[in-house]
Amino acid sequence: MSVSILTTTEARKNLLEMVDKTGRAYKRYLLTKKGKPVAVLMSAEEYEGWLETLELSSDPEFIKALKEAKADARAGRVYPYEKVTGKKQKR
């Protein structure tokens, strides 16, 4: 994913094109004002993903489960996709 840095003035001139690109090509824009970052333009789908990630990262039970899963993987306690799901893995 690429990130373009634009001033808010430049963004105003190209907003419709930028919105189109965020939806189609998952492009991100960092908007600046007086040389300082002030906003980010990204697709709604990507934004929802960030919100979900933030929510999960603040859940103590999820963090504990993630640490246990990492320890299991390091110790070799893993199972093939097909055994867990009963389905063949798509590649």
PDB file of N, CA and C in Angstrom:
ATOM      1  N   MET A   1       0.825  -1.176   0.000  1.00  0.00           N
ATOM      2  CA  MET A   1       0.000   0.000   0.000  1.00  0.00           C
ATOM      3  C   MET A   1       0.873   1.245   0.000  1.00  0.00           C
ATOM      4  N   SER A   2       0.499   2.160  -0.819  1.00  0.00           N
ATOM      5  CA  SER A   2       1.313   3.366  -0.902  1.00  0.00           C
ATOM      6  C   SER A   2       0.659   4.504  -0.122  1.00  0.00           C
ATOM      7  N   VAL A   3       1.494   5.400   0.349  1.00  0.00           N
ATOM      8  CA  VAL A   3       1.032   6.585   1.061  1.00  0.00           C
ATOM      9  C   VAL A   3       1.569   7.807   0.328  1.00  0.00           C
ATOM     10  N   SER A   4       0.678   8.726   0.013  1.00  0.00           N
ATOM     11  CA  SER A   4       1.082   9.989  -0.597  1.00  0.00           C
ATOM     12  C   SER A   4       0.897  11.093   0.428  1.00  0.00           C
ATOM     13  N   ILE A   5       1.839  12.016   0.456  1.00  0.00           N
ATOM     14  CA  ILE A   5       1.766  13.142   1.378  1.00  0.00           C
ATOM     15  C   ILE A   5       1.365  14.377   0.580  1.00  0.00           C
ATOM     16  N   LEU A   6       0.286  15.017   1.018  1.00  0.00           N
ATOM     17  CA  LEU A   6      -0.235  16.197   0.332  1.00  0.00           C
ATOM     18  C   LEU A   6      -0.598  17.272   1.351  1.00  0.00           C
ATOM     19  N   THR A   7      -0.538  18.504   0.912  1.00  0.00           N
ATOM     20  CA  THR A   7      -1.050  19.579   1.759  1.00  0.00           C
ATOM     21  C   THR A   7      -2.573  19.532   1.706  1.00  0.00           C
ATOM     22  N   THR A   8      -3.214  20.148   2.695  1.00  0.00           N
ATOM     23  CA  THR A   8      -4.678  20.190   2.672  1.00  0.00           C
ATOM     24  C   THR A   8      -5.192  20.953   1.457  1.00  0.00           C
ATOM     25  N   THR A   9      -4.453  21.930   1.002  1.00  0.00           N
ATOM     26  CA  THR A   9      -4.836  22.682  -0.200  1.00  0.00           C
ATOM     27  C   THR A   9      -4.817  21.770  -1.427  1.00  0.00           C
ATOM     28  N   GLU A  10      -3.759  20.983  -1.569  1.00  0.00           N
ATOM     29  CA  GLU A  10      -3.682  20.025  -2.691  1.00  0.00           C
ATOM     30  C   GLU A  10      -4.801  18.998  -2.591  1.00  0.00           C
ATOM     31  N   ALA A  11      -5.067  18.527  -1.386  1.00  0.00           N
ATOM     32  CA  ALA A  11      -6.109  17.521  -1.188  1.00  0.00           C
ATOM     33  C   ALA A  11      -7.481  18.064  -1.579  1.00  0.00           C
ATOM     34  N   ARG A  12      -7.746  19.302  -1.234  1.00  0.00           N
ATOM     35  CA  ARG A  12      -9.031  19.920  -1.570  1.00  0.00           C
ATOM     36  C   ARG A  12      -9.254  19.911  -3.077  1.00  0.00           C
ATOM     37  N   LYS A  13      -8.216  20.161  -3.828  1.00  0.00           N
ATOM     38  CA  LYS A  13      -8.321  20.216  -5.291  1.00  0.00           C
ATOM     39  C   LYS A  13      -8.567  18.835  -5.902  1.00  0.00           C
ATOM     40  N   ASN A  14      -8.095  17.794  -5.231  1.00  0.00           N
ATOM     41  CA  ASN A  14      -8.126  16.438  -5.803  1.00  0.00           C
ATOM     42  C   ASN A  14      -8.960  15.449  -4.988  1.00  0.00           C
ATOM     43  N   LEU A  15      -9.838  15.945  -4.140  1.00  0.00           N
ATOM     44  CA  LEU A  15     -10.529  15.066  -3.190  1.00  0.00           C
ATOM     45  C   LEU A  15     -11.294  13.919  -3.848  1.00  0.00           C
ATOM     46  N   LEU A  16     -12.079  14.198  -4.872  1.00  0.00           N
ATOM     47  CA  LEU A  16     -12.874  13.125  -5.493  1.00  0.00           C
ATOM     48  C   LEU A  16     -11.990  12.031  -6.073  1.00  0.00           C
ATOM     49  N   GLU A  17     -10.915  12.410  -6.725  1.00  0.00           N
ATOM     50  CA  GLU A  17      -9.977  11.429  -7.278  1.00  0.00           C
ATOM     51  C   GLU A  17      -9.316  10.629  -6.152  1.00  0.00           C
ATOM     52  N   MET A  18      -8.962  11.301  -5.074  1.00  0.00           N
ATOM     53  CA  MET A  18      -8.318  10.630  -3.945  1.00  0.00           C
ATOM     54  C   MET A  18      -9.267   9.620  -3.301  1.00  0.00           C
ATOM     55  N   VAL A  19     -10.511  10.010  -3.110  1.00  0.00           N
ATOM     56  CA  VAL A  19     -11.504   9.102  -2.521  1.00  0.00           C
ATOM     57  C   VAL A  19     -11.670   7.882  -3.408  1.00  0.00           C
ATOM     58  N   ASP A  20     -11.710   8.108  -4.709  1.00  0.00           N
ATOM     59  CA  ASP A  20     -11.826   7.004  -5.660  1.00  0.00           C
ATOM     60  C   ASP A  20     -10.664   6.027  -5.508  1.00  0.00           C
ATOM     61  N   LYS A  21      -9.450   6.565  -5.406  1.00  0.00           N
ATOM     62  CA  LYS A  21      -8.268   5.708  -5.298  1.00  0.00           C
ATOM     63  C   LYS A  21      -8.197   4.959  -3.971  1.00  0.00           C
ATOM     64  N   THR A  22      -8.687   5.562  -2.897  1.00  0.00           N
ATOM     65  CA  THR A  22      -8.649   4.841  -1.614  1.00  0.00           C
ATOM     66  C   THR A  22      -9.543   3.613  -1.669  1.00  0.00           C
ATOM     67  N   GLY A  23     -10.672   3.732  -2.362  1.00  0.00           N
ATOM     68  CA  GLY A  23     -11.592   2.606  -2.467  1.00  0.00           C
ATOM     69  C   GLY A  23     -11.120   1.525  -3.420  1.00  0.00           C
ATOM     70  N   ARG A  24     -10.527   1.908  -4.545  1.00  0.00           N
ATOM     71  CA  ARG A  24     -10.119   0.938  -5.561  1.00  0.00           C
ATOM     72  C   ARG A  24      -8.758   0.334  -5.293  1.00  0.00           C
ATOM     73  N   ALA A  25      -7.799   1.171  -4.946  1.00  0.00           N
ATOM     74  CA  ALA A  25      -6.410   0.712  -4.875  1.00  0.00           C
ATOM     75  C   ALA A  25      -5.855   0.698  -3.458  1.00  0.00           C
ATOM     76  N   TYR A  26      -6.722   0.890  -2.470  1.00  0.00           N
ATOM     77  CA  TYR A  26      -6.286   0.936  -1.072  1.00  0.00           C
ATOM     78  C   TYR A  26      -5.123   1.911  -0.876  1.00  0.00           C
ATOM     79  N   LYS A  27      -5.212   3.030  -1.533  1.00  0.00           N
ATOM     80  CA  LYS A  27      -4.191   4.066  -1.395  1.00  0.00           C
ATOM     81  C   LYS A  27      -4.501   4.888  -0.153  1.00  0.00           C
ATOM     82  N   ARG A  28      -3.458   5.368   0.506  1.00  0.00           N
ATOM     83  CA  ARG A  28      -3.611   6.239   1.679  1.00  0.00           C
ATOM     84  C   ARG A  28      -2.981   7.593   1.382  1.00  0.00           C
ATOM     85  N   TYR A  29      -3.558   8.600   2.019  1.00  0.00           N
ATOM     86  CA  TYR A  29      -3.035   9.954   1.886  1.00  0.00           C
ATOM     87  C   TYR A  29      -2.814  10.533   3.278  1.00  0.00           C
ATOM     88  N   LEU A  30      -1.646  11.091   3.490  1.00  0.00           N
ATOM     89  CA  LEU A  30      -1.332  11.824   4.708  1.00  0.00           C
ATOM     90  C   LEU A  30      -1.426  13.301   4.364  1.00  0.00           C
ATOM     91  N   LEU A  31      -2.327  14.000   5.037  1.00  0.00           N
ATOM     92  CA  LEU A  31      -2.558  15.404   4.741  1.00  0.00           C
ATOM     93  C   LEU A  31      -1.821  16.270   5.755  1.00  0.00           C
ATOM     94  N   THR A  32      -1.185  17.316   5.236  1.00  0.00           N
ATOM     95  CA  THR A  32      -0.408  18.197   6.103  1.00  0.00           C
ATOM     96  C   THR A  32      -0.942  19.625   6.030  1.00  0.00           C
ATOM     97  N   LYS A  33      -0.710  20.342   7.099  1.00  0.00           N
ATOM     98  CA  LYS A  33      -1.060  21.756   7.143  1.00  0.00           C
ATOM     99  C   LYS A  33       0.114  22.471   7.786  1.00  0.00           C
ATOM    100  N   LYS A  34       0.657  23.429   7.077  1.00  0.00           N
ATOM    101  CA  LYS A  34       1.850  24.151   7.535  1.00  0.00           C
ATOM    102  C   LYS A  34       2.994  23.174   7.854  1.00  0.00           C
ATOM    103  N   GLY A  35       3.082  22.124   7.033  1.00  0.00           N
ATOM    104  CA  GLY A  35       4.173  21.163   7.157  1.00  0.00           C
ATOM    105  C   GLY A  35       3.996  20.092   8.214  1.00  0.00           C
ATOM    106  N   LYS A  36       2.881  20.094   8.926  1.00  0.00           N
ATOM    107  CA  LYS A  36       2.656  19.107   9.989  1.00  0.00           C
ATOM    108  C   LYS A  36       1.495  18.185   9.624  1.00  0.00           C
ATOM    109  N   PRO A  37       1.627  16.887   9.889  1.00  0.00           N
ATOM    110  CA  PRO A  37       0.536  15.948   9.609  1.00  0.00           C
ATOM    111  C   PRO A  37      -0.708  16.307  10.424  1.00  0.00           C
ATOM    112  N   VAL A  38      -1.868  16.338   9.746  1.00  0.00           N
ATOM    113  CA  VAL A  38      -3.117  16.667  10.437  1.00  0.00           C
ATOM    114  C   VAL A  38      -4.229  15.637  10.227  1.00  0.00           C
ATOM    115  N   ALA A  39      -4.138  14.833   9.168  1.00  0.00           N
ATOM    116  CA  ALA A  39      -5.208  13.883   8.884  1.00  0.00           C
ATOM    117  C   ALA A  39      -4.707  12.796   7.938  1.00  0.00           C
ATOM    118  N   VAL A  40      -5.458  11.691   7.914  1.00  0.00           N
ATOM    119  CA  VAL A  40      -5.167  10.592   6.996  1.00  0.00           C
ATOM    120  C   VAL A  40      -6.458  10.253   6.264  1.00  0.00           C
ATOM    121  N   LEU A  41      -6.347  10.043   4.969  1.00  0.00           N
ATOM    122  CA  LEU A  41      -7.478   9.595   4.163  1.00  0.00           C
ATOM    123  C   LEU A  41      -7.193   8.154   3.756  1.00  0.00           C
ATOM    124  N   MET A  42      -8.125   7.256   4.099  1.00  0.00           N
ATOM    125  CA  MET A  42      -7.996   5.835   3.742  1.00  0.00           C
ATOM    126  C   MET A  42      -9.385   5.288   3.469  1.00  0.00           C
ATOM    127  N   SER A  43      -9.455   4.080   2.929  1.00  0.00           N
ATOM    128  CA  SER A  43     -10.757   3.482   2.631  1.00  0.00           C
ATOM    129  C   SER A  43     -11.499   3.195   3.936  1.00  0.00           C
ATOM    130  N   ALA A  44     -12.813   3.198   3.852  1.00  0.00           N
ATOM    131  CA  ALA A  44     -13.640   2.885   5.011  1.00  0.00           C
ATOM    132  C   ALA A  44     -13.364   1.458   5.499  1.00  0.00           C
ATOM    133  N   GLU A  45     -13.126   0.554   4.564  1.00  0.00           N
ATOM    134  CA  GLU A  45     -12.839  -0.841   4.923  1.00  0.00           C
ATOM    135  C   GLU A  45     -11.553  -0.937   5.751  1.00  0.00           C
ATOM    136  N   GLU A  46     -10.524  -0.214   5.335  1.00  0.00           N
ATOM    137  CA  GLU A  46      -9.270  -0.224   6.074  1.00  0.00           C
ATOM    138  C   GLU A  46      -9.455   0.418   7.450  1.00  0.00           C
ATOM    139  N   TYR A  47     -10.213   1.500   7.507  1.00  0.00           N
ATOM    140  CA  TYR A  47     -10.491   2.172   8.772  1.00  0.00           C
ATOM    141  C   TYR A  47     -11.187   1.227   9.750  1.00  0.00           C
ATOM    142  N   GLU A  48     -12.181   0.497   9.277  1.00  0.00           N
ATOM    143  CA  GLU A  48     -12.886  -0.470  10.122  1.00  0.00           C
ATOM    144  C   GLU A  48     -11.915  -1.530  10.651  1.00  0.00           C
ATOM    145  N   GLY A  49     -10.987  -1.964   9.805  1.00  0.00           N
ATOM    146  CA  GLY A  49      -9.981  -2.931  10.231  1.00  0.00           C
ATOM    147  C   GLY A  49      -9.094  -2.381  11.337  1.00  0.00           C
ATOM    148  N   TRP A  50      -8.696  -1.107  11.204  1.00  0.00           N
ATOM    149  CA  TRP A  50      -7.889  -0.467  12.252  1.00  0.00           C
ATOM    150  C   TRP A  50      -8.664  -0.389  13.560  1.00  0.00           C
ATOM    151  N   LEU A  51      -9.953  -0.028  13.487  1.00  0.00           N
ATOM    152  CA  LEU A  51     -10.757   0.045  14.706  1.00  0.00           C
ATOM    153  C   LEU A  51     -10.858  -1.318  15.390  1.00  0.00           C
ATOM    154  N   GLU A  52     -11.055  -2.352  14.600  1.00  0.00           N
ATOM    155  CA  GLU A  52     -11.137  -3.702  15.154  1.00  0.00           C
ATOM    156  C   GLU A  52      -9.818  -4.098  15.807  1.00  0.00           C
ATOM    157  N   THR A  53      -8.718  -3.775  15.155  1.00  0.00           N
ATOM    158  CA  THR A  53      -7.400  -4.081  15.718  1.00  0.00           C
ATOM    159  C   THR A  53      -7.185  -3.346  17.031  1.00  0.00           C
ATOM    160  N   LEU A  54      -7.558  -2.078  17.084  1.00  0.00           N
ATOM    161  CA  LEU A  54      -7.418  -1.307  18.322  1.00  0.00           C
ATOM    162  C   LEU A  54      -8.268  -1.897  19.440  1.00  0.00           C
ATOM    163  N   GLU A  55      -9.470  -2.304  19.095  1.00  0.00           N
ATOM    164  CA  GLU A  55     -10.361  -2.901  20.093  1.00  0.00           C
ATOM    165  C   GLU A  55      -9.768  -4.202  20.641  1.00  0.00           C
ATOM    166  N   LEU A  56      -9.285  -5.050  19.745  1.00  0.00           N
ATOM    167  CA  LEU A  56      -8.691  -6.316  20.181  1.00  0.00           C
ATOM    168  C   LEU A  56      -7.438  -6.092  21.021  1.00  0.00           C
ATOM    169  N   SER A  57      -6.630  -5.116  20.643  1.00  0.00           N
ATOM    170  CA  SER A  57      -5.380  -4.893  21.366  1.00  0.00           C
ATOM    171  C   SER A  57      -5.604  -4.337  22.764  1.00  0.00           C
ATOM    172  N   SER A  58      -6.804  -3.875  23.055  1.00  0.00           N
ATOM    173  CA  SER A  58      -7.094  -3.398  24.406  1.00  0.00           C
ATOM    174  C   SER A  58      -7.876  -4.424  25.224  1.00  0.00           C
ATOM    175  N   ASP A  59      -8.081  -5.615  24.678  1.00  0.00           N
ATOM    176  CA  ASP A  59      -8.810  -6.675  25.368  1.00  0.00           C
ATOM    177  C   ASP A  59      -7.811  -7.613  26.051  1.00  0.00           C
ATOM    178  N   PRO A  60      -7.725  -7.592  27.390  1.00  0.00           N
ATOM    179  CA  PRO A  60      -6.744  -8.415  28.101  1.00  0.00           C
ATOM    180  C   PRO A  60      -6.867  -9.916  27.805  1.00  0.00           C
ATOM    181  N   GLU A  61      -8.090 -10.400  27.639  1.00  0.00           N
ATOM    182  CA  GLU A  61      -8.282 -11.828  27.345  1.00  0.00           C
ATOM    183  C   GLU A  61      -7.721 -12.175  25.970  1.00  0.00           C
ATOM    184  N   PHE A  62      -7.928 -11.301  25.000  1.00  0.00           N
ATOM    185  CA  PHE A  62      -7.394 -11.541  23.662  1.00  0.00           C
ATOM    186  C   PHE A  62      -5.870 -11.535  23.687  1.00  0.00           C
ATOM    187  N   ILE A  63      -5.278 -10.576  24.398  1.00  0.00           N
ATOM    188  CA  ILE A  63      -3.819 -10.475  24.482  1.00  0.00           C
ATOM    189  C   ILE A  63      -3.250 -11.733  25.122  1.00  0.00           C
ATOM    190  N   LYS A  64      -3.893 -12.224  26.166  1.00  0.00           N
ATOM    191  CA  LYS A  64      -3.440 -13.450  26.836  1.00  0.00           C
ATOM    192  C   LYS A  64      -3.513 -14.636  25.873  1.00  0.00           C
ATOM    193  N   ALA A  65      -4.632 -14.758  25.156  1.00  0.00           N
ATOM    194  CA  ALA A  65      -4.794 -15.860  24.202  1.00  0.00           C
ATOM    195  C   ALA A  65      -3.764 -15.770  23.083  1.00  0.00           C
ATOM    196  N   LEU A  66      -3.477 -14.557  22.624  1.00  0.00           N
ATOM    197  CA  LEU A  66      -2.484 -14.372  21.562  1.00  0.00           C
ATOM    198  C   LEU A  66      -1.096 -14.791  22.034  1.00  0.00           C
ATOM    199  N   LYS A  67      -0.730 -14.417  23.255  1.00  0.00           N
ATOM    200  CA  LYS A  67       0.571 -14.817  23.803  1.00  0.00           C
ATOM    201  C   LYS A  67       0.665 -16.334  23.937  1.00  0.00           C
ATOM    202  N   GLU A  68      -0.428 -16.960  24.376  1.00  0.00           N
ATOM    203  CA  GLU A  68      -0.441 -18.428  24.490  1.00  0.00           C
ATOM    204  C   GLU A  68      -0.311 -19.077  23.116  1.00  0.00           C
ATOM    205  N   ALA A  69      -0.977 -18.526  22.131  1.00  0.00           N
ATOM    206  CA  ALA A  69      -0.908 -19.065  20.767  1.00  0.00           C
ATOM    207  C   ALA A  69       0.508 -18.957  20.216  1.00  0.00           C
ATOM    208  N   LYS A  70       1.167 -17.824  20.471  1.00  0.00           N
ATOM    209  CA  LYS A  70       2.548 -17.655  20.011  1.00  0.00           C
ATOM    210  C   LYS A  70       3.467 -18.662  20.698  1.00  0.00           C
ATOM    211  N   ALA A  71       3.260 -18.887  21.989  1.00  0.00           N
ATOM    212  CA  ALA A  71       4.075 -19.859  22.722  1.00  0.00           C
ATOM    213  C   ALA A  71       3.836 -21.260  22.167  1.00  0.00           C
ATOM    214  N   ASP A  72       2.593 -21.596  21.866  1.00  0.00           N
ATOM    215  CA  ASP A  72       2.281 -22.903  21.274  1.00  0.00           C
ATOM    216  C   ASP A  72       2.973 -23.063  19.929  1.00  0.00           C
ATOM    217  N   ALA A  73       2.936 -22.036  19.103  1.00  0.00           N
ATOM    218  CA  ALA A  73       3.571 -22.111  17.781  1.00  0.00           C
ATOM    219  C   ALA A  73       5.078 -22.299  17.918  1.00  0.00           C
ATOM    220  N   ARG A  74       5.707 -21.547  18.827  1.00  0.00           N
ATOM    221  CA  ARG A  74       7.152 -21.690  19.037  1.00  0.00           C
ATOM    222  C   ARG A  74       7.513 -23.091  19.528  1.00  0.00           C
ATOM    223  N   ALA A  75       6.613 -23.690  20.315  1.00  0.00           N
ATOM    224  CA  ALA A  75       6.867 -25.017  20.871  1.00  0.00           C
ATOM    225  C   ALA A  75       6.474 -26.129  19.902  1.00  0.00           C
ATOM    226  N   GLY A  76       5.948 -25.755  18.739  1.00  0.00           N
ATOM    227  CA  GLY A  76       5.582 -26.756  17.740  1.00  0.00           C
ATOM    228  C   GLY A  76       4.210 -27.362  17.969  1.00  0.00           C
ATOM    229  N   ARG A  77       3.428 -26.805  18.861  1.00  0.00           N
ATOM    230  CA  ARG A  77       2.072 -27.313  19.122  1.00  0.00           C
ATOM    231  C   ARG A  77       1.107 -26.656  18.137  1.00  0.00           C
ATOM    232  N   VAL A  78       1.159 -27.128  16.905  1.00  0.00           N
ATOM    233  CA  VAL A  78       0.322 -26.584  15.838  1.00  0.00           C
ATOM    234  C   VAL A  78      -0.377 -27.719  15.110  1.00  0.00           C
ATOM    235  N   TYR A  79      -1.453 -27.394  14.409  1.00  0.00           N
ATOM    236  CA  TYR A  79      -2.229 -28.382  13.667  1.00  0.00           C
ATOM    237  C   TYR A  79      -2.429 -27.892  12.247  1.00  0.00           C
ATOM    238  N   PRO A  80      -2.462 -28.816  11.288  1.00  0.00           N
ATOM    239  CA  PRO A  80      -2.701 -28.420   9.895  1.00  0.00           C
ATOM    240  C   PRO A  80      -4.097 -27.798   9.739  1.00  0.00           C
ATOM    241  N   TYR A  81      -4.222 -26.880   8.802  1.00  0.00           N
ATOM    242  CA  TYR A  81      -5.487 -26.200   8.513  1.00  0.00           C
ATOM    243  C   TYR A  81      -6.614 -27.204   8.295  1.00  0.00           C
ATOM    244  N   GLU A  82      -6.346 -28.237   7.490  1.00  0.00           N
ATOM    245  CA  GLU A  82      -7.378 -29.220   7.163  1.00  0.00           C
ATOM    246  C   GLU A  82      -7.891 -29.937   8.412  1.00  0.00           C
ATOM    247  N   LYS A  83      -6.997 -30.210   9.377  1.00  0.00           N
ATOM    248  CA  LYS A  83      -7.409 -30.914  10.592  1.00  0.00           C
ATOM    249  C   LYS A  83      -8.299 -30.027  11.463  1.00  0.00           C
ATOM    250  N   VAL A  84      -7.995 -28.748  11.504  1.00  0.00           N
ATOM    251  CA  VAL A  84      -8.756 -27.824  12.340  1.00  0.00           C
ATOM    252  C   VAL A  84     -10.116 -27.513  11.727  1.00  0.00           C
ATOM    253  N   THR A  85     -10.152 -27.286  10.401  1.00  0.00           N
ATOM    254  CA  THR A  85     -11.383 -26.830   9.749  1.00  0.00           C
ATOM    255  C   THR A  85     -12.156 -27.934   9.045  1.00  0.00           C
ATOM    256  N   GLY A  86     -11.469 -29.029   8.738  1.00  0.00           N
ATOM    257  CA  GLY A  86     -12.110 -30.073   7.957  1.00  0.00           C
ATOM    258  C   GLY A  86     -12.191 -29.736   6.482  1.00  0.00           C
ATOM    259  N   LYS A  87     -11.519 -28.661   6.067  1.00  0.00           N
ATOM    260  CA  LYS A  87     -11.543 -28.215   4.670  1.00  0.00           C
ATOM    261  C   LYS A  87     -10.127 -28.126   4.134  1.00  0.00           C
ATOM    262  N   LYS A  88     -10.019 -28.260   2.806  1.00  0.00           N
ATOM    263  CA  LYS A  88      -8.712 -28.048   2.168  1.00  0.00           C
ATOM    264  C   LYS A  88      -8.387 -26.567   2.149  1.00  0.00           C
ATOM    265  N   GLN A  89      -7.120 -26.249   2.358  1.00  0.00           N
ATOM    266  CA  GLN A  89      -6.688 -24.849   2.343  1.00  0.00           C
ATOM    267  C   GLN A  89      -6.591 -24.340   0.931  1.00  0.00           C
ATOM    268  N   LYS A  90      -7.163 -23.160   0.677  1.00  0.00           N
ATOM    269  CA  LYS A  90      -7.077 -22.529  -0.644  1.00  0.00           C
ATOM    270  C   LYS A  90      -5.763 -21.793  -0.718  1.00  0.00           C
ATOM    271  N   ARG A  91      -5.136 -21.861  -1.863  1.00  0.00           N
ATOM    272  CA  ARG A  91      -3.837 -21.166  -2.035  1.00  0.00           C
ATOM    273  C   ARG A  91      -3.881 -20.211  -3.140  1.00  0.00           C
TER     274      ARG A  91
END
